Protein backbone atom coordinates (compact mmCIF):
# COMPACT_ATOMS: atom_id res chain seq x y z
CA MET A 1 95.68 -32.23 1.60
CA LEU A 2 96.58 -30.02 -1.37
CA HIS A 3 99.40 -28.47 0.64
CA ASP A 4 100.91 -31.92 1.29
CA ILE A 5 100.79 -32.89 -2.39
CA LEU A 6 102.44 -29.60 -3.40
CA MET A 7 105.20 -30.09 -0.83
CA ILE A 8 105.88 -33.61 -2.11
CA LEU A 9 106.01 -32.40 -5.71
CA LEU A 10 108.30 -29.51 -4.73
CA GLY A 11 110.59 -31.93 -2.89
CA LEU A 12 110.73 -34.22 -5.92
CA VAL A 13 111.55 -31.37 -8.30
CA VAL A 14 114.27 -30.00 -6.01
CA GLY A 15 115.70 -33.50 -5.57
CA LEU A 16 115.77 -34.10 -9.31
CA VAL A 17 117.51 -30.78 -9.99
CA ILE A 18 120.13 -31.37 -7.30
CA GLY A 19 120.66 -34.96 -8.46
CA PHE A 20 121.11 -33.83 -12.06
CA LEU A 21 123.66 -31.18 -11.11
CA VAL A 22 125.66 -33.58 -8.92
CA ALA A 23 125.66 -36.26 -11.64
CA LYS A 24 126.73 -33.73 -14.28
CA LYS A 25 129.62 -32.50 -12.11
CA PHE A 26 130.70 -36.09 -11.37
CA MET A 27 130.69 -37.05 -15.07
CA GLN A 28 132.65 -33.95 -16.08
CA LYS A 29 135.27 -34.75 -13.44
CA TYR A 30 135.40 -38.41 -14.51
CA LEU A 31 135.78 -37.59 -18.22
CA LYS A 32 138.49 -35.04 -17.49
CA LYS A 33 140.42 -37.64 -15.47
CA ASN A 34 139.74 -40.52 -17.92
CA PRO A 35 139.32 -39.14 -21.44
CA PRO A 36 137.46 -41.52 -23.75
CA ILE A 37 140.11 -41.40 -26.49
CA ASN A 38 143.54 -39.83 -26.90
CA GLU A 39 146.10 -39.33 -29.65
CA LYS A 40 147.97 -42.54 -28.83
CA MET A 41 144.76 -44.58 -29.23
CA ILE A 42 144.05 -42.95 -32.61
CA GLU A 43 147.59 -43.62 -33.79
CA THR A 44 147.35 -47.26 -32.70
CA MET A 45 143.99 -47.67 -34.43
CA MET A 46 145.27 -46.19 -37.70
CA THR A 47 148.42 -48.33 -37.53
CA SER A 48 146.35 -51.46 -36.98
CA MET A 49 144.40 -50.60 -40.14
CA GLY A 50 147.64 -50.70 -42.10
CA ARG A 51 148.60 -47.04 -42.38
CA LYS A 52 151.29 -45.04 -40.67
CA PRO A 53 149.58 -41.79 -39.67
CA SER A 54 151.40 -38.48 -39.57
CA GLN A 55 151.07 -36.25 -36.53
CA LYS A 56 148.94 -33.87 -38.62
CA GLN A 57 146.45 -36.64 -39.43
CA VAL A 58 146.26 -37.66 -35.76
CA ARG A 59 145.58 -34.05 -34.72
CA GLN A 60 142.88 -33.71 -37.39
CA VAL A 61 141.13 -36.83 -36.13
CA MET A 62 141.38 -35.56 -32.53
CA GLN A 63 139.84 -32.23 -33.55
CA GLN A 64 136.96 -34.05 -35.25
CA MET A 65 136.42 -36.22 -32.16
CA ASN A 66 136.45 -33.17 -29.85
CA LYS A 67 134.01 -31.35 -32.11
CA PHE A 68 131.38 -34.07 -31.55
CA MET A 69 131.90 -34.32 -27.78
């Protein structure tokens, strides 16, 4: 009885760990292929707000975005 419960718990823990690792790998691959924001998006956003950004400003914003990711 106790042996069965321990085997079920062990199976659940192993399944959770494997599931977490597979999901983490999948998300890393997805984000590498489809980055959430790029320099062109930042430039478009700043232009739509009425300012013409320099390349230096765009790079600074990208560095700030990457720091928080």
